[in-house]
Amino acid sequence: MKTGTFIKRMSLDGHITYFNMEAVGDVMKALRIIGVNINQLVKKANETHSIYAEDVEKLRKENESLCHTLNQFLSALPSIAAYILNPDKTEDLLYTNAVNCLPNARDAYLMMKTFYEHFSSHKFDEPLPKQGKGRVKAIHYIQSFDLKYKISLELAHQIARTFARKAFGDNCQVVIATHVDKQHVHSHIIINAYGI
């Protein structure tokens, strides 16, 4: 079955893929504040033909704060792996699988980090650049199911495993964990940004 056909069939059968991007809101807020301050600084410079050192220092501090927020967001893989592979959420890891790495948080993180560094020629924990975007290191999907479909844990986990294999193939590092700790069944899928 082709990937497009599979995704269409899954969509019609009622699964929902949710991307948790909460941390992006903090980054966007910080960017808006910096943008407003840059505009005010430029306006003041055009009116007075000078820039005050305290204004530049305030902008520098806001930029540092933004970089700190981004670093926290991008270095979250170890904590995400620990969260999704929590034995209390997966019936003692019964509903976990991994492709080309081990299905425990520490080893999955270390294997993904090692693989990323080898093939990207960059450090996984490298600081963000002063300008531009940081590198994508991993992608986190959350696949959840509406209660009305009465999806069993086994079926939800099988769907997540099938989705990962069909969408990303066998030549990538993937960790899959189906959580049983909420009323609705949901699966987490983490994919290394670099394929094998």
N, C-alpha and C. Protein backbone atom coordinates (compact mmCIF):
# COMPACT_ATOMS: atom_id res chain seq x y z
N MET A 1 0.85 -1.17 0.00
CA MET A 1 0.00 0.00 0.00
C MET A 1 0.89 1.24 0.00
N LYS A 2 0.57 2.21 -0.82
CA LYS A 2 1.33 3.45 -0.90
C LYS A 2 1.06 4.31 0.34
N THR A 3 2.03 5.16 0.69
CA THR A 3 1.91 6.00 1.88
C THR A 3 0.68 6.90 1.81
N GLY A 4 0.44 7.50 0.64
CA GLY A 4 -0.73 8.38 0.50
C GLY A 4 -2.04 7.64 0.72
N THR A 5 -2.14 6.44 0.17
CA THR A 5 -3.35 5.63 0.36
C THR A 5 -3.53 5.27 1.82
N PHE A 6 -2.43 4.89 2.46
CA PHE A 6 -2.49 4.54 3.88
C PHE A 6 -2.97 5.73 4.72
N ILE A 7 -2.40 6.90 4.48
CA ILE A 7 -2.77 8.08 5.27
C ILE A 7 -4.23 8.45 5.02
N LYS A 8 -4.70 8.36 3.78
CA LYS A 8 -6.11 8.64 3.50
C LYS A 8 -7.02 7.66 4.23
N ARG A 9 -6.66 6.37 4.19
CA ARG A 9 -7.47 5.36 4.85
C ARG A 9 -7.51 5.60 6.36
N MET A 10 -6.37 5.95 6.94
CA MET A 10 -6.31 6.21 8.37
C MET A 10 -7.16 7.44 8.72
N SER A 11 -7.13 8.45 7.86
CA SER A 11 -7.93 9.65 8.11
C SER A 11 -9.42 9.33 8.10
N LEU A 12 -9.84 8.51 7.15
CA LEU A 12 -11.24 8.14 7.06
C LEU A 12 -11.68 7.27 8.23
N ASP A 13 -10.77 6.49 8.79
CA ASP A 13 -11.11 5.62 9.91
C ASP A 13 -11.11 6.37 11.24
N GLY A 14 -10.81 7.64 11.22
CA GLY A 14 -11.02 8.46 12.41
C GLY A 14 -9.82 8.79 13.26
N HIS A 15 -8.62 8.48 12.85
CA HIS A 15 -7.51 8.85 13.71
C HIS A 15 -7.16 10.31 13.52
N ILE A 16 -6.61 10.90 14.54
CA ILE A 16 -6.24 12.31 14.51
C ILE A 16 -4.77 12.40 14.90
N THR A 17 -3.98 13.12 14.13
CA THR A 17 -2.59 13.35 14.48
C THR A 17 -2.49 14.76 15.03
N TYR A 18 -1.94 14.89 16.20
CA TYR A 18 -1.84 16.17 16.88
C TYR A 18 -0.37 16.50 17.10
N PHE A 19 0.04 17.70 16.75
CA PHE A 19 1.40 18.15 16.97
C PHE A 19 1.39 19.09 18.17
N ASN A 20 2.08 18.71 19.22
CA ASN A 20 2.12 19.52 20.43
C ASN A 20 3.18 20.60 20.27
N MET A 21 2.76 21.82 20.05
CA MET A 21 3.69 22.92 19.79
C MET A 21 3.56 24.03 20.84
N GLU A 22 3.28 23.66 22.08
CA GLU A 22 3.06 24.66 23.13
C GLU A 22 4.25 25.60 23.29
N ALA A 23 5.47 25.07 23.24
CA ALA A 23 6.65 25.91 23.45
C ALA A 23 6.83 26.94 22.35
N VAL A 24 6.28 26.69 21.17
CA VAL A 24 6.41 27.64 20.07
C VAL A 24 5.69 28.95 20.42
N GLY A 25 4.62 28.88 21.20
CA GLY A 25 3.91 30.10 21.62
C GLY A 25 4.82 31.03 22.39
N ASP A 26 5.64 30.49 23.30
CA ASP A 26 6.58 31.32 24.06
C ASP A 26 7.61 31.96 23.13
N VAL A 27 8.08 31.19 22.16
CA VAL A 27 9.06 31.72 21.21
C VAL A 27 8.44 32.83 20.38
N MET A 28 7.21 32.62 19.90
CA MET A 28 6.56 33.65 19.09
C MET A 28 6.31 34.92 19.89
N LYS A 29 5.94 34.78 21.16
CA LYS A 29 5.74 35.95 22.03
C LYS A 29 7.04 36.73 22.18
N ALA A 30 8.14 36.00 22.42
CA ALA A 30 9.43 36.67 22.56
C ALA A 30 9.85 37.36 21.27
N LEU A 31 9.59 36.71 20.13
CA LEU A 31 9.92 37.33 18.84
C LEU A 31 9.12 38.61 18.61
N ARG A 32 7.82 38.60 18.98
CA ARG A 32 7.00 39.80 18.82
C ARG A 32 7.55 40.95 19.68
N ILE A 33 7.92 40.65 20.91
CA ILE A 33 8.45 41.69 21.80
C ILE A 33 9.73 42.27 21.23
N ILE A 34 10.63 41.40 20.76
CA ILE A 34 11.88 41.89 20.17
C ILE A 34 11.59 42.71 18.93
N GLY A 35 10.65 42.26 18.09
CA GLY A 35 10.30 43.01 16.89
C GLY A 35 9.78 44.40 17.20
N VAL A 36 8.91 44.50 18.19
CA VAL A 36 8.38 45.81 18.59
C VAL A 36 9.51 46.71 19.08
N ASN A 37 10.40 46.15 19.90
CA ASN A 37 11.50 46.95 20.43
C ASN A 37 12.47 47.39 19.34
N ILE A 38 12.71 46.55 18.35
CA ILE A 38 13.58 46.94 17.23
C ILE A 38 12.93 48.10 16.48
N ASN A 39 11.61 48.01 16.24
CA ASN A 39 10.92 49.10 15.55
C ASN A 39 11.01 50.40 16.34
N GLN A 40 10.84 50.34 17.65
CA GLN A 40 10.94 51.54 18.48
C GLN A 40 12.36 52.10 18.47
N LEU A 41 13.34 51.21 18.50
CA LEU A 41 14.73 51.65 18.49
C LEU A 41 15.08 52.33 17.16
N VAL A 42 14.62 51.76 16.05
CA VAL A 42 14.87 52.34 14.74
C VAL A 42 14.16 53.70 14.61
N LYS A 43 12.92 53.77 15.12
CA LYS A 43 12.18 55.03 15.08
C LYS A 43 12.92 56.12 15.86
N LYS A 44 13.40 55.74 17.06
CA LYS A 44 14.14 56.70 17.89
C LYS A 44 15.44 57.12 17.20
N ALA A 45 16.12 56.16 16.56
CA ALA A 45 17.37 56.47 15.86
C ALA A 45 17.11 57.42 14.70
N ASN A 46 16.02 57.20 13.98
CA ASN A 46 15.68 58.09 12.86
C ASN A 46 15.32 59.49 13.33
N GLU A 47 14.66 59.59 14.49
CA GLU A 47 14.22 60.91 15.00
C GLU A 47 15.38 61.66 15.64
N THR A 48 16.20 60.97 16.40
CA THR A 48 17.26 61.66 17.17
C THR A 48 18.65 61.48 16.58
N HIS A 49 18.78 60.63 15.59
CA HIS A 49 20.08 60.30 14.97
C HIS A 49 21.08 59.74 15.97
N SER A 50 20.56 59.07 17.00
CA SER A 50 21.43 58.39 17.96
C SER A 50 20.66 57.23 18.59
N ILE A 51 21.42 56.30 19.14
CA ILE A 51 20.83 55.14 19.82
C ILE A 51 21.42 55.10 21.21
N TYR A 52 20.57 54.90 22.19
CA TYR A 52 21.03 54.85 23.58
C TYR A 52 21.51 53.46 23.94
N ALA A 53 22.61 53.40 24.67
CA ALA A 53 23.23 52.13 25.05
C ALA A 53 22.26 51.25 25.84
N GLU A 54 21.44 51.87 26.71
CA GLU A 54 20.50 51.07 27.50
C GLU A 54 19.43 50.40 26.62
N ASP A 55 19.07 51.06 25.51
CA ASP A 55 18.10 50.45 24.59
C ASP A 55 18.71 49.22 23.90
N VAL A 56 19.95 49.35 23.49
CA VAL A 56 20.64 48.23 22.84
C VAL A 56 20.82 47.08 23.84
N GLU A 57 21.16 47.41 25.08
CA GLU A 57 21.34 46.38 26.12
C GLU A 57 20.02 45.65 26.40
N LYS A 58 18.92 46.39 26.44
CA LYS A 58 17.61 45.77 26.66
C LYS A 58 17.29 44.79 25.52
N LEU A 59 17.56 45.20 24.29
CA LEU A 59 17.32 44.34 23.14
C LEU A 59 18.21 43.10 23.20
N ARG A 60 19.48 43.27 23.61
CA ARG A 60 20.40 42.14 23.73
C ARG A 60 19.89 41.13 24.75
N LYS A 61 19.38 41.62 25.89
CA LYS A 61 18.86 40.73 26.93
C LYS A 61 17.62 39.99 26.45
N GLU A 62 16.74 40.66 25.71
CA GLU A 62 15.55 40.00 25.17
C GLU A 62 15.95 38.91 24.17
N ASN A 63 16.98 39.19 23.39
CA ASN A 63 17.47 38.18 22.43
C ASN A 63 18.04 36.98 23.18
N GLU A 64 18.80 37.21 24.25
CA GLU A 64 19.32 36.11 25.06
C GLU A 64 18.19 35.27 25.64
N SER A 65 17.14 35.94 26.10
CA SER A 65 15.99 35.23 26.65
C SER A 65 15.33 34.35 25.58
N LEU A 66 15.21 34.87 24.38
CA LEU A 66 14.64 34.09 23.28
C LEU A 66 15.52 32.88 22.98
N CYS A 67 16.83 33.08 22.92
CA CYS A 67 17.74 31.96 22.65
C CYS A 67 17.65 30.91 23.75
N HIS A 68 17.50 31.34 24.99
CA HIS A 68 17.35 30.39 26.10
C HIS A 68 16.07 29.57 25.94
N THR A 69 14.96 30.24 25.59
CA THR A 69 13.69 29.54 25.38
C THR A 69 13.82 28.53 24.24
N LEU A 70 14.45 28.93 23.14
CA LEU A 70 14.64 28.03 22.02
C LEU A 70 15.52 26.84 22.40
N ASN A 71 16.59 27.09 23.15
CA ASN A 71 17.46 25.99 23.58
C ASN A 71 16.70 24.99 24.43
N GLN A 72 15.84 25.48 25.33
CA GLN A 72 15.04 24.57 26.15
C GLN A 72 14.12 23.73 25.26
N PHE A 73 13.51 24.38 24.28
CA PHE A 73 12.60 23.68 23.38
C PHE A 73 13.34 22.61 22.57
N LEU A 74 14.51 22.96 22.04
CA LEU A 74 15.22 22.03 21.17
C LEU A 74 15.98 20.95 21.93
N SER A 75 16.25 21.16 23.19
CA SER A 75 16.99 20.15 23.95
C SER A 75 16.04 19.25 24.73
N ALA A 76 14.78 19.24 24.36
CA ALA A 76 13.77 18.52 25.13
C ALA A 76 13.71 17.03 24.83
N LEU A 77 14.47 16.54 23.84
CA LEU A 77 14.36 15.12 23.47
C LEU A 77 14.56 14.17 24.64
N PRO A 78 15.58 14.37 25.49
CA PRO A 78 15.71 13.43 26.62
C PRO A 78 14.47 13.39 27.52
N SER A 79 13.91 14.55 27.81
CA SER A 79 12.73 14.56 28.68
C SER A 79 11.49 14.03 27.95
N ILE A 80 11.39 14.28 26.66
CA ILE A 80 10.26 13.74 25.89
C ILE A 80 10.36 12.22 25.85
N ALA A 81 11.56 11.71 25.60
CA ALA A 81 11.75 10.26 25.56
C ALA A 81 11.41 9.64 26.92
N ALA A 82 11.86 10.29 27.99
CA ALA A 82 11.55 9.77 29.33
C ALA A 82 10.04 9.80 29.59
N TYR A 83 9.38 10.86 29.14
CA TYR A 83 7.94 10.97 29.34
C TYR A 83 7.19 9.89 28.57
N ILE A 84 7.48 9.76 27.27
CA ILE A 84 6.67 8.81 26.49
C ILE A 84 6.98 7.36 26.84
N LEU A 85 8.18 7.10 27.34
CA LEU A 85 8.55 5.72 27.70
C LEU A 85 8.40 5.47 29.20
N ASN A 86 7.55 6.22 29.83
CA ASN A 86 7.28 6.04 31.26
C ASN A 86 6.51 4.73 31.46
N PRO A 87 7.04 3.80 32.26
CA PRO A 87 6.36 2.52 32.47
C PRO A 87 4.94 2.66 33.02
N ASP A 88 4.68 3.71 33.81
CA ASP A 88 3.34 3.91 34.37
C ASP A 88 2.32 4.27 33.29
N LYS A 89 2.78 4.81 32.18
CA LYS A 89 1.87 5.22 31.11
C LYS A 89 1.71 4.16 30.03
N THR A 90 2.58 3.15 30.03
CA THR A 90 2.61 2.18 28.95
C THR A 90 2.45 0.74 29.43
N GLU A 91 1.85 0.57 30.60
CA GLU A 91 1.69 -0.76 31.21
C GLU A 91 3.04 -1.49 31.26
N ASP A 92 3.97 -0.87 32.00
CA ASP A 92 5.34 -1.41 32.15
C ASP A 92 6.01 -1.67 30.81
N LEU A 93 5.88 -0.71 29.90
CA LEU A 93 6.51 -0.72 28.58
C LEU A 93 5.95 -1.80 27.65
N LEU A 94 4.80 -2.36 27.99
CA LEU A 94 4.18 -3.36 27.13
C LEU A 94 3.85 -2.76 25.76
N TYR A 95 3.40 -1.50 25.76
CA TYR A 95 3.00 -0.85 24.51
C TYR A 95 4.08 0.11 24.04
N THR A 96 5.29 -0.39 23.88
CA THR A 96 6.40 0.40 23.33
C THR A 96 7.12 -0.44 22.28
N ASN A 97 7.62 0.25 21.30
CA ASN A 97 8.43 -0.37 20.25
C ASN A 97 9.45 0.65 19.78
N ALA A 98 10.48 0.15 19.15
CA ALA A 98 11.48 1.04 18.56
C ALA A 98 11.98 0.41 17.27
N VAL A 99 12.37 1.27 16.36
CA VAL A 99 12.96 0.83 15.09
C VAL A 99 14.37 1.41 15.04
N ASN A 100 15.37 0.56 14.92
CA ASN A 100 16.77 0.96 14.80
C ASN A 100 17.31 1.69 16.03
N CYS A 101 16.69 1.48 17.18
CA CYS A 101 17.20 1.96 18.46
C CYS A 101 16.50 1.17 19.55
N LEU A 102 16.90 1.37 20.79
CA LEU A 102 16.32 0.61 21.89
C LEU A 102 15.11 1.35 22.48
N PRO A 103 14.09 0.62 22.94
CA PRO A 103 12.87 1.27 23.45
C PRO A 103 12.93 1.62 24.93
N ASN A 104 14.05 2.23 25.36
CA ASN A 104 14.08 2.82 26.70
C ASN A 104 14.65 4.22 26.56
N ALA A 105 14.24 5.10 27.41
CA ALA A 105 14.49 6.53 27.22
C ALA A 105 15.98 6.85 27.08
N ARG A 106 16.79 6.37 27.99
CA ARG A 106 18.21 6.72 27.98
C ARG A 106 18.89 6.22 26.71
N ASP A 107 18.69 4.94 26.40
CA ASP A 107 19.37 4.38 25.23
C ASP A 107 18.83 4.94 23.92
N ALA A 108 17.53 5.16 23.83
CA ALA A 108 16.97 5.75 22.62
C ALA A 108 17.56 7.13 22.38
N TYR A 109 17.63 7.94 23.44
CA TYR A 109 18.22 9.28 23.32
C TYR A 109 19.67 9.19 22.88
N LEU A 110 20.47 8.35 23.56
CA LEU A 110 21.89 8.25 23.22
C LEU A 110 22.11 7.74 21.80
N MET A 111 21.30 6.78 21.37
CA MET A 111 21.45 6.25 20.02
C MET A 111 21.06 7.30 18.97
N MET A 112 19.97 8.02 19.22
CA MET A 112 19.55 9.06 18.28
C MET A 112 20.58 10.19 18.24
N LYS A 113 21.11 10.54 19.39
CA LYS A 113 22.12 11.60 19.47
C LYS A 113 23.38 11.18 18.70
N THR A 114 23.85 9.97 18.94
CA THR A 114 25.05 9.47 18.26
C THR A 114 24.86 9.44 16.76
N PHE A 115 23.72 8.93 16.32
CA PHE A 115 23.42 8.84 14.90
C PHE A 115 23.36 10.23 14.27
N TYR A 116 22.66 11.15 14.93
CA TYR A 116 22.54 12.52 14.44
C TYR A 116 23.93 13.15 14.27
N GLU A 117 24.76 13.03 15.31
CA GLU A 117 26.09 13.66 15.27
C GLU A 117 26.96 13.05 14.19
N HIS A 118 26.85 11.75 13.99
CA HIS A 118 27.68 11.09 12.98
C HIS A 118 27.31 11.55 11.57
N PHE A 119 26.03 11.59 11.26
CA PHE A 119 25.61 11.88 9.90
C PHE A 119 25.40 13.37 9.62
N SER A 120 25.16 14.17 10.64
CA SER A 120 24.95 15.59 10.38
C SER A 120 26.24 16.39 10.49
N SER A 121 27.25 15.80 11.12
CA SER A 121 28.52 16.50 11.39
C SER A 121 28.32 17.70 12.31
N HIS A 122 27.28 17.66 13.12
CA HIS A 122 27.01 18.71 14.09
C HIS A 122 26.77 18.07 15.45
N LYS A 123 27.03 18.82 16.50
CA LYS A 123 26.76 18.34 17.85
C LYS A 123 25.27 18.43 18.12
N PHE A 124 24.74 17.41 18.75
CA PHE A 124 23.32 17.37 19.07
C PHE A 124 22.95 18.49 20.04
N ASP A 125 23.84 18.78 20.97
CA ASP A 125 23.58 19.79 22.00
C ASP A 125 24.18 21.15 21.65
N GLU A 126 24.47 21.39 20.37
CA GLU A 126 25.08 22.66 19.98
C GLU A 126 24.13 23.82 20.30
N PRO A 127 24.69 24.98 20.68
CA PRO A 127 23.82 26.13 20.95
C PRO A 127 23.18 26.63 19.66
N LEU A 128 22.09 27.33 19.82
CA LEU A 128 21.41 27.90 18.66
C LEU A 128 22.25 28.99 18.03
N PRO A 129 22.16 29.16 16.72
CA PRO A 129 22.89 30.26 16.09
C PRO A 129 22.32 31.60 16.51
N LYS A 130 23.16 32.63 16.46
CA LYS A 130 22.71 33.97 16.83
C LYS A 130 21.66 34.48 15.84
N GLN A 131 21.77 34.04 14.59
CA GLN A 131 20.80 34.42 13.57
C GLN A 131 20.33 33.16 12.85
N GLY A 132 19.11 33.18 12.38
CA GLY A 132 18.58 32.05 11.64
C GLY A 132 17.99 31.00 12.56
N LYS A 133 17.69 29.86 11.97
CA LYS A 133 17.02 28.79 12.71
C LYS A 133 18.02 27.75 13.18
N GLY A 134 17.65 27.05 14.23
CA GLY A 134 18.43 25.91 14.69
C GLY A 134 18.08 24.69 13.85
N ARG A 135 18.86 23.64 14.00
CA ARG A 135 18.63 22.42 13.23
C ARG A 135 17.55 21.56 13.89
N VAL A 136 16.73 20.91 13.06
CA VAL A 136 15.73 19.97 13.56
C VAL A 136 16.45 18.67 13.87
N LYS A 137 16.26 18.18 15.09
CA LYS A 137 16.96 16.97 15.51
C LYS A 137 16.02 15.78 15.62
N ALA A 138 14.80 16.02 16.00
CA ALA A 138 13.81 14.95 16.13
C ALA A 138 12.42 15.55 15.92
N ILE A 139 11.49 14.68 15.56
CA ILE A 139 10.10 15.10 15.34
C ILE A 139 9.23 14.26 16.26
N HIS A 140 8.30 14.92 16.94
CA HIS A 140 7.43 14.24 17.90
C HIS A 140 5.98 14.34 17.41
N TYR A 141 5.37 13.20 17.14
CA TYR A 141 3.97 13.13 16.75
C TYR A 141 3.17 12.58 17.93
N ILE A 142 1.95 13.04 18.06
CA ILE A 142 1.01 12.45 19.01
C ILE A 142 -0.22 12.06 18.20
N GLN A 143 -0.55 10.79 18.24
CA GLN A 143 -1.68 10.26 17.49
C GLN A 143 -2.74 9.85 18.51
N SER A 144 -3.89 10.52 18.49
CA SER A 144 -4.92 10.19 19.47
C SER A 144 -6.22 9.80 18.78
N PHE A 145 -7.08 9.13 19.54
CA PHE A 145 -8.30 8.57 18.99
C PHE A 145 -9.51 9.05 19.79
N ASP A 146 -10.55 9.44 19.09
CA ASP A 146 -11.78 9.87 19.72
C ASP A 146 -12.40 8.69 20.48
N LEU A 147 -12.96 8.96 21.64
CA LEU A 147 -13.57 7.90 22.46
C LEU A 147 -14.68 7.16 21.73
N LYS A 148 -15.38 7.82 20.82
CA LYS A 148 -16.52 7.18 20.15
C LYS A 148 -16.10 5.99 19.29
N TYR A 149 -14.81 5.90 18.92
CA TYR A 149 -14.36 4.79 18.09
C TYR A 149 -13.99 3.55 18.91
N LYS A 150 -13.87 3.70 20.21
CA LYS A 150 -13.58 2.57 21.10
C LYS A 150 -12.39 1.74 20.61
N ILE A 151 -11.29 2.43 20.35
CA ILE A 151 -10.06 1.79 19.87
C ILE A 151 -9.38 1.10 21.06
N SER A 152 -9.04 -0.16 20.89
CA SER A 152 -8.33 -0.89 21.95
C SER A 152 -6.87 -0.43 21.99
N LEU A 153 -6.22 -0.70 23.11
CA LEU A 153 -4.80 -0.36 23.25
C LEU A 153 -3.97 -1.07 22.19
N GLU A 154 -4.28 -2.34 21.97
CA GLU A 154 -3.52 -3.12 21.00
C GLU A 154 -3.66 -2.54 19.60
N LEU A 155 -4.90 -2.19 19.22
CA LEU A 155 -5.13 -1.64 17.89
C LEU A 155 -4.47 -0.27 17.74
N ALA A 156 -4.58 0.58 18.77
CA ALA A 156 -3.94 1.90 18.72
C ALA A 156 -2.44 1.76 18.53
N HIS A 157 -1.84 0.82 19.26
CA HIS A 157 -0.40 0.63 19.15
C HIS A 157 -0.03 0.07 17.77
N GLN A 158 -0.83 -0.84 17.26
CA GLN A 158 -0.57 -1.39 15.92
C GLN A 158 -0.70 -0.30 14.86
N ILE A 159 -1.68 0.58 14.99
CA ILE A 159 -1.85 1.68 14.04
C ILE A 159 -0.63 2.60 14.08
N ALA A 160 -0.15 2.92 15.28
CA ALA A 160 1.03 3.79 15.41
C ALA A 160 2.26 3.13 14.78
N ARG A 161 2.43 1.83 15.03
CA ARG A 161 3.57 1.11 14.45
C ARG A 161 3.48 1.07 12.93
N THR A 162 2.27 0.80 12.43
CA THR A 162 2.07 0.74 10.97
C THR A 162 2.28 2.11 10.35
N PHE A 163 1.74 3.14 10.99
CA PHE A 163 1.93 4.51 10.49
C PHE A 163 3.41 4.84 10.38
N ALA A 164 4.17 4.57 11.44
CA ALA A 164 5.60 4.90 11.44
C ALA A 164 6.33 4.16 10.34
N ARG A 165 6.04 2.88 10.19
CA ARG A 165 6.73 2.09 9.14
C ARG A 165 6.34 2.56 7.74
N LYS A 166 5.04 2.81 7.52
CA LYS A 166 4.57 3.22 6.19
C LYS A 166 5.01 4.64 5.85
N ALA A 167 4.96 5.52 6.82
CA ALA A 167 5.28 6.93 6.56
C ALA A 167 6.79 7.18 6.50
N PHE A 168 7.58 6.46 7.29
CA PHE A 168 9.00 6.77 7.40
C PHE A 168 9.91 5.62 6.98
N GLY A 169 9.37 4.44 6.75
CA GLY A 169 10.17 3.31 6.30
C GLY A 169 10.95 2.66 7.43
N ASP A 170 11.78 1.70 7.04
CA ASP A 170 12.57 0.96 8.02
C ASP A 170 13.95 1.57 8.24
N ASN A 171 14.28 2.61 7.50
CA ASN A 171 15.62 3.19 7.57
C ASN A 171 15.66 4.47 8.39
N CYS A 172 14.97 4.46 9.51
CA CYS A 172 15.01 5.62 10.41
C CYS A 172 14.95 5.11 11.84
N GLN A 173 15.27 5.99 12.76
CA GLN A 173 15.16 5.65 14.18
C GLN A 173 13.84 6.20 14.69
N VAL A 174 13.02 5.31 15.23
CA VAL A 174 11.70 5.69 15.71
C VAL A 174 11.45 5.03 17.06
N VAL A 175 10.85 5.78 17.97
CA VAL A 175 10.37 5.22 19.24
C VAL A 175 8.86 5.44 19.27
N ILE A 176 8.12 4.38 19.58
CA ILE A 176 6.66 4.42 19.61
C ILE A 176 6.20 3.97 20.98
N ALA A 177 5.31 4.74 21.59
CA ALA A 177 4.77 4.37 22.90
C ALA A 177 3.29 4.73 22.93
N THR A 178 2.45 3.76 23.24
CA THR A 178 1.02 4.00 23.36
C THR A 178 0.69 4.13 24.84
N HIS A 179 0.07 5.26 25.19
CA HIS A 179 -0.21 5.57 26.59
C HIS A 179 -1.60 5.10 26.99
N VAL A 180 -1.66 4.59 28.19
CA VAL A 180 -2.90 4.04 28.74
C VAL A 180 -3.35 4.82 29.98
N ASP A 181 -2.67 5.93 30.29
CA ASP A 181 -2.93 6.65 31.53
C ASP A 181 -4.03 7.69 31.43
N LYS A 182 -4.57 7.92 30.26
CA LYS A 182 -5.66 8.88 30.06
C LYS A 182 -6.91 8.13 29.61
N GLN A 183 -8.04 8.83 29.64
CA GLN A 183 -9.29 8.19 29.21
C GLN A 183 -9.23 7.84 27.71
N HIS A 184 -8.61 8.71 26.93
CA HIS A 184 -8.51 8.44 25.49
C HIS A 184 -7.16 7.77 25.21
N VAL A 185 -7.17 6.83 24.31
CA VAL A 185 -5.95 6.14 23.91
C VAL A 185 -5.16 7.05 22.98
N HIS A 186 -3.85 7.14 23.20
CA HIS A 186 -3.02 7.94 22.31
C HIS A 186 -1.61 7.35 22.25
N SER A 187 -0.96 7.59 21.12
CA SER A 187 0.40 7.09 20.91
C SER A 187 1.33 8.25 20.63
N HIS A 188 2.55 8.13 21.15
CA HIS A 188 3.62 9.09 20.88
C HIS A 188 4.60 8.44 19.91
N ILE A 189 5.07 9.20 18.96
CA ILE A 189 6.05 8.71 17.98
C ILE A 189 7.16 9.76 17.89
N ILE A 190 8.39 9.36 18.19
CA ILE A 190 9.54 10.24 18.04
C ILE A 190 10.40 9.68 16.92
N ILE A 191 10.76 10.56 15.98
CA ILE A 191 11.56 10.15 14.82
C ILE A 191 12.83 10.99 14.79
N ASN A 192 13.97 10.33 14.63
CA ASN A 192 15.22 11.05 14.43
C ASN A 192 15.15 11.79 13.09
N ALA A 193 15.61 13.02 13.06
CA ALA A 193 15.53 13.81 11.83
C ALA A 193 16.41 13.24 10.73
N TYR A 194 17.42 12.46 11.11
CA TYR A 194 18.31 11.86 10.10
C TYR A 194 17.97 10.40 9.91
N GLY A 195 17.74 9.99 8.67
CA GLY A 195 17.46 8.59 8.35
C GLY A 195 18.76 7.82 8.15
N ILE A 196 18.63 6.52 8.20
CA ILE A 196 19.81 5.66 8.03
C ILE A 196 20.17 5.54 6.57
